Amino acid sequence: MRKTDVSALYTAFPHLEKLEKLWGSKDGRDFINALLNDTRGGTRQGFPAEHAVTILRLLLEHDALFPQFEDSTGAIWQDPERQRRPR
C-alpha cells in the first residue's frame, strides 16, 4: 500500500488518477517522472509547491518499492562529478 497521500493532488488534478492503474510499473515511474520535468519545450507552468512535493514523494516511494524501474541516468539533480570521485 502506498504511503503518500494523493487526495489533494487528485482533487486538484483529477487526470492524474491515471497513476492508480500505472502504479508499480515502468510506465508508472515514467509518468511520475514526466510530471516533474518540462516536456513542453519551456511552456509548462509546473505544479503548485504542495502538489510538486507530493509528486516528488510519489517518485521516491515508487523508486523505493520498485527499484527495478528506477532510471537515475537522466536525473537533473544527479551530480555526474560525484560519480567519478573515488570513495
PDB file of N, CA and C in Angstrom:
ATOM      1  N   MET A   1       0.838  -1.191   0.000  1.00  0.00           N
ATOM      2  CA  MET A   1       0.000   0.000   0.000  1.00  0.00           C
ATOM      3  C   MET A   1       0.882   1.254   0.000  1.00  0.00           C
ATOM      4  N   ARG A   2       0.495   2.216  -0.775  1.00  0.00           N
ATOM      5  CA  ARG A   2       1.256   3.460  -0.900  1.00  0.00           C
ATOM      6  C   ARG A   2       1.067   4.323   0.340  1.00  0.00           C
ATOM      7  N   LYS A   3       2.140   4.984   0.784  1.00  0.00           N
ATOM      8  CA  LYS A   3       2.098   5.844   1.969  1.00  0.00           C
ATOM      9  C   LYS A   3       1.789   7.302   1.635  1.00  0.00           C
ATOM     10  N   THR A   4       2.126   7.723   0.448  1.00  0.00           N
ATOM     11  CA  THR A   4       1.946   9.117   0.057  1.00  0.00           C
ATOM     12  C   THR A   4       0.464   9.427  -0.147  1.00  0.00           C
ATOM     13  N   ASP A   5      -0.017  10.463   0.546  1.00  0.00           N
ATOM     14  CA  ASP A   5      -1.408  10.876   0.425  1.00  0.00           C
ATOM     15  C   ASP A   5      -1.578  11.690  -0.861  1.00  0.00           C
ATOM     16  N   VAL A   6      -2.406  11.190  -1.749  1.00  0.00           N
ATOM     17  CA  VAL A   6      -2.605  11.835  -3.047  1.00  0.00           C
ATOM     18  C   VAL A   6      -3.975  12.498  -3.162  1.00  0.00           C
ATOM     19  N   SER A   7      -4.742  12.532  -2.095  1.00  0.00           N
ATOM     20  CA  SER A   7      -6.118  13.041  -2.176  1.00  0.00           C
ATOM     21  C   SER A   7      -6.171  14.492  -2.663  1.00  0.00           C
ATOM     22  N   ALA A   8      -5.356  15.370  -2.121  1.00  0.00           N
ATOM     23  CA  ALA A   8      -5.367  16.776  -2.559  1.00  0.00           C
ATOM     24  C   ALA A   8      -4.873  16.903  -4.005  1.00  0.00           C
ATOM     25  N   LEU A   9      -3.878  16.106  -4.361  1.00  0.00           N
ATOM     26  CA  LEU A   9      -3.350  16.128  -5.730  1.00  0.00           C
ATOM     27  C   LEU A   9      -4.424  15.712  -6.721  1.00  0.00           C
ATOM     28  N   TYR A  10      -5.128  14.627  -6.427  1.00  0.00           N
ATOM     29  CA  TYR A  10      -6.167  14.135  -7.333  1.00  0.00           C
ATOM     30  C   TYR A  10      -7.379  15.058  -7.371  1.00  0.00           C
ATOM     31  N   THR A  11      -7.656  15.745  -6.268  1.00  0.00           N
ATOM     32  CA  THR A  11      -8.758  16.704  -6.266  1.00  0.00           C
ATOM     33  C   THR A  11      -8.438  17.875  -7.189  1.00  0.00           C
ATOM     34  N   ALA A  12      -7.204  18.360  -7.116  1.00  0.00           N
ATOM     35  CA  ALA A  12      -6.789  19.495  -7.944  1.00  0.00           C
ATOM     36  C   ALA A  12      -6.545  19.095  -9.403  1.00  0.00           C
ATOM     37  N   PHE A  13      -6.064  17.882  -9.603  1.00  0.00           N
ATOM     38  CA  PHE A  13      -5.706  17.410 -10.948  1.00  0.00           C
ATOM     39  C   PHE A  13      -6.259  15.998 -11.156  1.00  0.00           C
ATOM     40  N   PRO A  14      -7.571  15.879 -11.392  1.00  0.00           N
ATOM     41  CA  PRO A  14      -8.201  14.563 -11.489  1.00  0.00           C
ATOM     42  C   PRO A  14      -7.606  13.655 -12.568  1.00  0.00           C
ATOM     43  N   HIS A  15      -7.066  14.240 -13.613  1.00  0.00           N
ATOM     44  CA  HIS A  15      -6.495  13.412 -14.683  1.00  0.00           C
ATOM     45  C   HIS A  15      -5.272  12.622 -14.217  1.00  0.00           C
ATOM     46  N   LEU A  16      -4.678  13.028 -13.088  1.00  0.00           N
ATOM     47  CA  LEU A  16      -3.511  12.314 -12.584  1.00  0.00           C
ATOM     48  C   LEU A  16      -3.882  10.994 -11.898  1.00  0.00           C
ATOM     49  N   GLU A  17      -5.177  10.766 -11.691  1.00  0.00           N
ATOM     50  CA  GLU A  17      -5.622   9.490 -11.115  1.00  0.00           C
ATOM     51  C   GLU A  17      -5.248   8.314 -12.007  1.00  0.00           C
ATOM     52  N   LYS A  18      -4.873   8.599 -13.215  1.00  0.00           N
ATOM     53  CA  LYS A  18      -4.366   7.576 -14.138  1.00  0.00           C
ATOM     54  C   LYS A  18      -3.215   6.803 -13.494  1.00  0.00           C
ATOM     55  N   LEU A  19      -2.519   7.445 -12.589  1.00  0.00           N
ATOM     56  CA  LEU A  19      -1.388   6.812 -11.916  1.00  0.00           C
ATOM     57  C   LEU A  19      -1.801   5.560 -11.150  1.00  0.00           C
ATOM     58  N   GLU A  20      -3.041   5.514 -10.686  1.00  0.00           N
ATOM     59  CA  GLU A  20      -3.506   4.347  -9.930  1.00  0.00           C
ATOM     60  C   GLU A  20      -3.369   3.070 -10.747  1.00  0.00           C
ATOM     61  N   LYS A  21      -3.647   3.153 -12.034  1.00  0.00           N
ATOM     62  CA  LYS A  21      -3.538   1.979 -12.906  1.00  0.00           C
ATOM     63  C   LYS A  21      -2.081   1.678 -13.276  1.00  0.00           C
ATOM     64  N   LEU A  22      -1.247   2.701 -13.240  1.00  0.00           N
ATOM     65  CA  LEU A  22       0.148   2.544 -13.653  1.00  0.00           C
ATOM     66  C   LEU A  22       1.094   2.230 -12.493  1.00  0.00           C
ATOM     67  N   TRP A  23       0.642   2.428 -11.263  1.00  0.00           N
ATOM     68  CA  TRP A  23       1.500   2.269 -10.085  1.00  0.00           C
ATOM     69  C   TRP A  23       2.142   0.876 -10.085  1.00  0.00           C
ATOM     70  N   GLY A  24       3.440   0.853  -9.826  1.00  0.00           N
ATOM     71  CA  GLY A  24       4.161  -0.405  -9.738  1.00  0.00           C
ATOM     72  C   GLY A  24       4.698  -0.904 -11.065  1.00  0.00           C
ATOM     73  N   SER A  25       4.676  -0.038 -12.069  1.00  0.00           N
ATOM     74  CA  SER A  25       5.168  -0.427 -13.392  1.00  0.00           C
ATOM     75  C   SER A  25       6.175   0.606 -13.899  1.00  0.00           C
ATOM     76  N   LYS A  26       6.890   0.230 -14.947  1.00  0.00           N
ATOM     77  CA  LYS A  26       7.818   1.177 -15.576  1.00  0.00           C
ATOM     78  C   LYS A  26       7.043   2.375 -16.138  1.00  0.00           C
ATOM     79  N   ASP A  27       5.877   2.108 -16.694  1.00  0.00           N
ATOM     80  CA  ASP A  27       5.048   3.202 -17.215  1.00  0.00           C
ATOM     81  C   ASP A  27       4.633   4.157 -16.100  1.00  0.00           C
ATOM     82  N   GLY A  28       4.365   3.622 -14.920  1.00  0.00           N
ATOM     83  CA  GLY A  28       4.028   4.457 -13.770  1.00  0.00           C
ATOM     84  C   GLY A  28       5.179   5.340 -13.374  1.00  0.00           C
ATOM     85  N   ARG A  29       6.367   4.758 -13.337  1.00  0.00           N
ATOM     86  CA  ARG A  29       7.578   5.522 -12.987  1.00  0.00           C
ATOM     87  C   ARG A  29       7.820   6.613 -14.029  1.00  0.00           C
ATOM     88  N   ASP A  30       7.690   6.263 -15.283  1.00  0.00           N
ATOM     89  CA  ASP A  30       7.888   7.234 -16.363  1.00  0.00           C
ATOM     90  C   ASP A  30       6.858   8.363 -16.294  1.00  0.00           C
ATOM     91  N   PHE A  31       5.617   8.013 -15.957  1.00  0.00           N
ATOM     92  CA  PHE A  31       4.548   9.006 -15.843  1.00  0.00           C
ATOM     93  C   PHE A  31       4.868  10.013 -14.735  1.00  0.00           C
ATOM     94  N   ILE A  32       5.266   9.511 -13.579  1.00  0.00           N
ATOM     95  CA  ILE A  32       5.608  10.397 -12.458  1.00  0.00           C
ATOM     96  C   ILE A  32       6.788  11.282 -12.826  1.00  0.00           C
ATOM     97  N   ASN A  33       7.808  10.686 -13.408  1.00  0.00           N
ATOM     98  CA  ASN A  33       9.000  11.441 -13.793  1.00  0.00           C
ATOM     99  C   ASN A  33       8.658  12.538 -14.801  1.00  0.00           C
ATOM    100  N   ALA A  34       7.780  12.233 -15.743  1.00  0.00           N
ATOM    101  CA  ALA A  34       7.387  13.231 -16.747  1.00  0.00           C
ATOM    102  C   ALA A  34       6.664  14.408 -16.104  1.00  0.00           C
ATOM    103  N   LEU A  35       5.953  14.153 -15.003  1.00  0.00           N
ATOM    104  CA  LEU A  35       5.259  15.247 -14.314  1.00  0.00           C
ATOM    105  C   LEU A  35       6.244  16.239 -13.699  1.00  0.00           C
ATOM    106  N   LEU A  36       7.417  15.761 -13.375  1.00  0.00           N
ATOM    107  CA  LEU A  36       8.417  16.606 -12.716  1.00  0.00           C
ATOM    108  C   LEU A  36       9.349  17.315 -13.694  1.00  0.00           C
ATOM    109  N   ASN A  37       9.238  16.987 -14.965  1.00  0.00           N
ATOM    110  CA  ASN A  37      10.131  17.570 -15.963  1.00  0.00           C
ATOM    111  C   ASN A  37       9.329  18.290 -17.038  1.00  0.00           C
ATOM    112  N   ASP A  38       9.927  19.320 -17.611  1.00  0.00           N
ATOM    113  CA  ASP A  38       9.268  20.070 -18.678  1.00  0.00           C
ATOM    114  C   ASP A  38       9.343  19.261 -19.964  1.00  0.00           C
ATOM    115  N   THR A  39       8.202  18.798 -20.394  1.00  0.00           N
ATOM    116  CA  THR A  39       8.125  18.037 -21.644  1.00  0.00           C
ATOM    117  C   THR A  39       7.394  18.839 -22.720  1.00  0.00           C
ATOM    118  N   ARG A  40       7.277  20.149 -22.472  1.00  0.00           N
ATOM    119  CA  ARG A  40       6.520  21.007 -23.402  1.00  0.00           C
ATOM    120  C   ARG A  40       7.365  22.146 -23.958  1.00  0.00           C
ATOM    121  N   GLY A  41       8.640  21.938 -24.044  1.00  0.00           N
ATOM    122  CA  GLY A  41       9.502  22.933 -24.664  1.00  0.00           C
ATOM    123  C   GLY A  41       9.553  24.275 -23.958  1.00  0.00           C
ATOM    124  N   GLY A  42       9.487  24.270 -22.648  1.00  0.00           N
ATOM    125  CA  GLY A  42       9.590  25.503 -21.879  1.00  0.00           C
ATOM    126  C   GLY A  42       8.276  26.222 -21.636  1.00  0.00           C
ATOM    127  N   THR A  43       7.170  25.656 -22.088  1.00  0.00           N
ATOM    128  CA  THR A  43       5.878  26.320 -21.904  1.00  0.00           C
ATOM    129  C   THR A  43       5.107  25.799 -20.687  1.00  0.00           C
ATOM    130  N   ARG A  44       5.651  24.814 -20.031  1.00  0.00           N
ATOM    131  CA  ARG A  44       4.965  24.220 -18.884  1.00  0.00           C
ATOM    132  C   ARG A  44       5.054  25.143 -17.680  1.00  0.00           C
ATOM    133  N   GLN A  45       3.946  25.333 -16.982  1.00  0.00           N
ATOM    134  CA  GLN A  45       3.914  26.189 -15.794  1.00  0.00           C
ATOM    135  C   GLN A  45       4.435  25.478 -14.556  1.00  0.00           C
ATOM    136  N   GLY A  46       4.231  24.201 -14.471  1.00  0.00           N
ATOM    137  CA  GLY A  46       4.615  23.459 -13.283  1.00  0.00           C
ATOM    138  C   GLY A  46       3.457  23.382 -12.302  1.00  0.00           C
ATOM    139  N   PHE A  47       3.656  22.633 -11.249  1.00  0.00           N
ATOM    140  CA  PHE A  47       2.627  22.436 -10.244  1.00  0.00           C
ATOM    141  C   PHE A  47       2.851  23.372  -9.066  1.00  0.00           C
ATOM    142  N   PRO A  48       1.781  23.724  -8.367  1.00  0.00           N
ATOM    143  CA  PRO A  48       1.952  24.464  -7.117  1.00  0.00           C
ATOM    144  C   PRO A  48       2.839  23.645  -6.170  1.00  0.00           C
ATOM    145  N   ALA A  49       3.544  24.317  -5.298  1.00  0.00           N
ATOM    146  CA  ALA A  49       4.551  23.671  -4.448  1.00  0.00           C
ATOM    147  C   ALA A  49       4.022  22.454  -3.698  1.00  0.00           C
ATOM    148  N   GLU A  50       2.839  22.567  -3.088  1.00  0.00           N
ATOM    149  CA  GLU A  50       2.332  21.438  -2.298  1.00  0.00           C
ATOM    150  C   GLU A  50       2.123  20.199  -3.164  1.00  0.00           C
ATOM    151  N   HIS A  51       1.722  20.393  -4.415  1.00  0.00           N
ATOM    152  CA  HIS A  51       1.494  19.256  -5.296  1.00  0.00           C
ATOM    153  C   HIS A  51       2.805  18.742  -5.891  1.00  0.00           C
ATOM    154  N   ALA A  52       3.729  19.644  -6.141  1.00  0.00           N
ATOM    155  CA  ALA A  52       5.044  19.225  -6.629  1.00  0.00           C
ATOM    156  C   ALA A  52       5.736  18.349  -5.583  1.00  0.00           C
ATOM    157  N   VAL A  53       5.595  18.706  -4.320  1.00  0.00           N
ATOM    158  CA  VAL A  53       6.177  17.900  -3.237  1.00  0.00           C
ATOM    159  C   VAL A  53       5.533  16.516  -3.215  1.00  0.00           C
ATOM    160  N   THR A  54       4.230  16.453  -3.379  1.00  0.00           N
ATOM    161  CA  THR A  54       3.533  15.165  -3.403  1.00  0.00           C
ATOM    162  C   THR A  54       4.030  14.303  -4.562  1.00  0.00           C
ATOM    163  N   ILE A  55       4.205  14.909  -5.710  1.00  0.00           N
ATOM    164  CA  ILE A  55       4.671  14.160  -6.885  1.00  0.00           C
ATOM    165  C   ILE A  55       6.094  13.660  -6.659  1.00  0.00           C
ATOM    166  N   LEU A  56       6.930  14.487  -6.073  1.00  0.00           N
ATOM    167  CA  LEU A  56       8.287  14.053  -5.767  1.00  0.00           C
ATOM    168  C   LEU A  56       8.269  12.902  -4.760  1.00  0.00           C
ATOM    169  N   ARG A  57       7.420  12.998  -3.764  1.00  0.00           N
ATOM    170  CA  ARG A  57       7.292  11.897  -2.792  1.00  0.00           C
ATOM    171  C   ARG A  57       6.835  10.614  -3.471  1.00  0.00           C
ATOM    172  N   LEU A  58       5.914  10.742  -4.414  1.00  0.00           N
ATOM    173  CA  LEU A  58       5.461   9.569  -5.166  1.00  0.00           C
ATOM    174  C   LEU A  58       6.615   8.934  -5.931  1.00  0.00           C
ATOM    175  N   LEU A  59       7.431   9.769  -6.556  1.00  0.00           N
ATOM    176  CA  LEU A  59       8.570   9.247  -7.305  1.00  0.00           C
ATOM    177  C   LEU A  59       9.529   8.511  -6.374  1.00  0.00           C
ATOM    178  N   LEU A  60       9.847   9.124  -5.238  1.00  0.00           N
ATOM    179  CA  LEU A  60      10.762   8.495  -4.288  1.00  0.00           C
ATOM    180  C   LEU A  60      10.186   7.191  -3.734  1.00  0.00           C
ATOM    181  N   GLU A  61       8.899   7.204  -3.436  1.00  0.00           N
ATOM    182  CA  GLU A  61       8.265   5.995  -2.913  1.00  0.00           C
ATOM    183  C   GLU A  61       8.239   4.900  -3.979  1.00  0.00           C
ATOM    184  N   HIS A  62       7.894   5.271  -5.197  1.00  0.00           N
ATOM    185  CA  HIS A  62       7.870   4.295  -6.285  1.00  0.00           C
ATOM    186  C   HIS A  62       9.256   3.686  -6.477  1.00  0.00           C
ATOM    187  N   ASP A  63      10.282   4.516  -6.473  1.00  0.00           N
ATOM    188  CA  ASP A  63      11.645   4.010  -6.638  1.00  0.00           C
ATOM    189  C   ASP A  63      12.051   3.081  -5.497  1.00  0.00           C
ATOM    190  N   ALA A  64      11.617   3.392  -4.285  1.00  0.00           N
ATOM    191  CA  ALA A  64      11.951   2.542  -3.138  1.00  0.00           C
ATOM    192  C   ALA A  64      11.234   1.187  -3.225  1.00  0.00           C
ATOM    193  N   LEU A  65       9.983   1.213  -3.659  1.00  0.00           N
ATOM    194  CA  LEU A  65       9.206  -0.026  -3.734  1.00  0.00           C
ATOM    195  C   LEU A  65       9.512  -0.849  -4.985  1.00  0.00           C
ATOM    196  N   PHE A  66       9.865  -0.177  -6.050  1.00  0.00           N
ATOM    197  CA  PHE A  66      10.083  -0.849  -7.331  1.00  0.00           C
ATOM    198  C   PHE A  66      11.403  -0.382  -7.949  1.00  0.00           C
ATOM    199  N   PRO A  67      12.527  -0.710  -7.310  1.00  0.00           N
ATOM    200  CA  PRO A  67      13.826  -0.206  -7.783  1.00  0.00           C
ATOM    201  C   PRO A  67      14.203  -0.684  -9.176  1.00  0.00           C
ATOM    202  N   GLN A  68      13.574  -1.747  -9.629  1.00  0.00           N
ATOM    203  CA  GLN A  68      13.887  -2.253 -10.966  1.00  0.00           C
ATOM    204  C   GLN A  68      13.485  -1.281 -12.068  1.00  0.00           C
ATOM    205  N   PHE A  69      12.610  -0.335 -11.746  1.00  0.00           N
ATOM    206  CA  PHE A  69      12.166   0.637 -12.754  1.00  0.00           C
ATOM    207  C   PHE A  69      12.871   1.987 -12.622  1.00  0.00           C
ATOM    208  N   GLU A  70      13.682   2.128 -11.603  1.00  0.00           N
ATOM    209  CA  GLU A  70      14.371   3.402 -11.373  1.00  0.00           C
ATOM    210  C   GLU A  70      15.369   3.641 -12.487  1.00  0.00           C
ATOM    211  N   ASP A  71      15.360   4.852 -12.987  1.00  0.00           N
ATOM    212  CA  ASP A  71      16.293   5.249 -14.043  1.00  0.00           C
ATOM    213  C   ASP A  71      16.919   6.564 -13.622  1.00  0.00           C
ATOM    214  N   SER A  72      18.039   6.499 -12.943  1.00  0.00           N
ATOM    215  CA  SER A  72      18.658   7.717 -12.432  1.00  0.00           C
ATOM    216  C   SER A  72      19.623   8.336 -13.429  1.00  0.00           C
ATOM    217  N   THR A  73      19.775   7.749 -14.618  1.00  0.00           N
ATOM    218  CA  THR A  73      20.734   8.289 -15.571  1.00  0.00           C
ATOM    219  C   THR A  73      20.366   9.676 -16.058  1.00  0.00           C
ATOM    220  N   GLY A  74      19.073  10.004 -16.062  1.00  0.00           N
ATOM    221  CA  GLY A  74      18.651  11.301 -16.556  1.00  0.00           C
ATOM    222  C   GLY A  74      18.208  12.262 -15.468  1.00  0.00           C
ATOM    223  N   ALA A  75      18.460  11.914 -14.228  1.00  0.00           N
ATOM    224  CA  ALA A  75      18.009  12.755 -13.128  1.00  0.00           C
ATOM    225  C   ALA A  75      18.746  14.086 -13.133  1.00  0.00           C
ATOM    226  N   ILE A  76      17.991  15.181 -13.094  1.00  0.00           N
ATOM    227  CA  ILE A  76      18.603  16.503 -13.176  1.00  0.00           C
ATOM    228  C   ILE A  76      19.345  16.863 -11.900  1.00  0.00           C
ATOM    229  N   TRP A  77      19.020  16.211 -10.792  1.00  0.00           N
ATOM    230  CA  TRP A  77      19.664  16.538  -9.525  1.00  0.00           C
ATOM    231  C   TRP A  77      20.901  15.692  -9.275  1.00  0.00           C
ATOM    232  N   GLN A  78      21.206  14.788 -10.176  1.00  0.00           N
ATOM    233  CA  GLN A  78      22.355  13.928 -10.013  1.00  0.00           C
ATOM    234  C   GLN A  78      23.629  14.682 -10.387  1.00  0.00           C
ATOM    235  N   ASP A  79      24.661  14.542  -9.588  1.00  0.00           N
ATOM    236  CA  ASP A  79      25.937  15.208  -9.820  1.00  0.00           C
ATOM    237  C   ASP A  79      26.882  14.232 -10.519  1.00  0.00           C
ATOM    238  N   PRO A  80      27.107  14.386 -11.832  1.00  0.00           N
ATOM    239  CA  PRO A  80      27.961  13.446 -12.549  1.00  0.00           C
ATOM    240  C   PRO A  80      29.394  13.436 -12.025  1.00  0.00           C
ATOM    241  N   GLU A  81      29.864  14.569 -11.520  1.00  0.00           N
ATOM    242  CA  GLU A  81      31.219  14.622 -10.974  1.00  0.00           C
ATOM    243  C   GLU A  81      31.345  13.760  -9.725  1.00  0.00           C
ATOM    244  N   ARG A  82      30.302  13.728  -8.932  1.00  0.00           N
ATOM    245  CA  ARG A  82      30.322  12.928  -7.709  1.00  0.00           C
ATOM    246  C   ARG A  82      30.481  11.444  -8.026  1.00  0.00           C
ATOM    247  N   GLN A  83      29.914  11.023  -9.124  1.00  0.00           N
ATOM    248  CA  GLN A  83      30.014   9.612  -9.508  1.00  0.00           C
ATOM    249  C   GLN A  83      31.437   9.245  -9.887  1.00  0.00           C
ATOM    250  N   ARG A  84      32.205  10.195 -10.361  1.00  0.00           N
ATOM    251  CA  ARG A  84      33.568   9.919 -10.816  1.00  0.00           C
ATOM    252  C   ARG A  84      34.584   9.953  -9.690  1.00  0.00           C
ATOM    253  N   ARG A  85      34.221  10.592  -8.594  1.00  0.00           N
ATOM    254  CA  ARG A  85      35.155  10.688  -7.476  1.00  0.00           C
ATOM    255  C   ARG A  85      35.318   9.348  -6.788  1.00  0.00           C
ATOM    256  N   PRO A  86      36.543   8.979  -6.490  1.00  0.00           N
ATOM    257  CA  PRO A  86      36.739   7.715  -5.740  1.00  0.00           C
ATOM    258  C   PRO A  86      36.217   7.871  -4.321  1.00  0.00           C
ATOM    259  N   ARG A  87      35.719   6.809  -3.791  1.00  0.00           N
ATOM    260  CA  ARG A  87      35.153   6.832  -2.431  1.00  0.00           C
ATOM    261  C   ARG A  87      36.114   6.226  -1.450  1.00  0.00           C
TER     262      ARG A  87
END
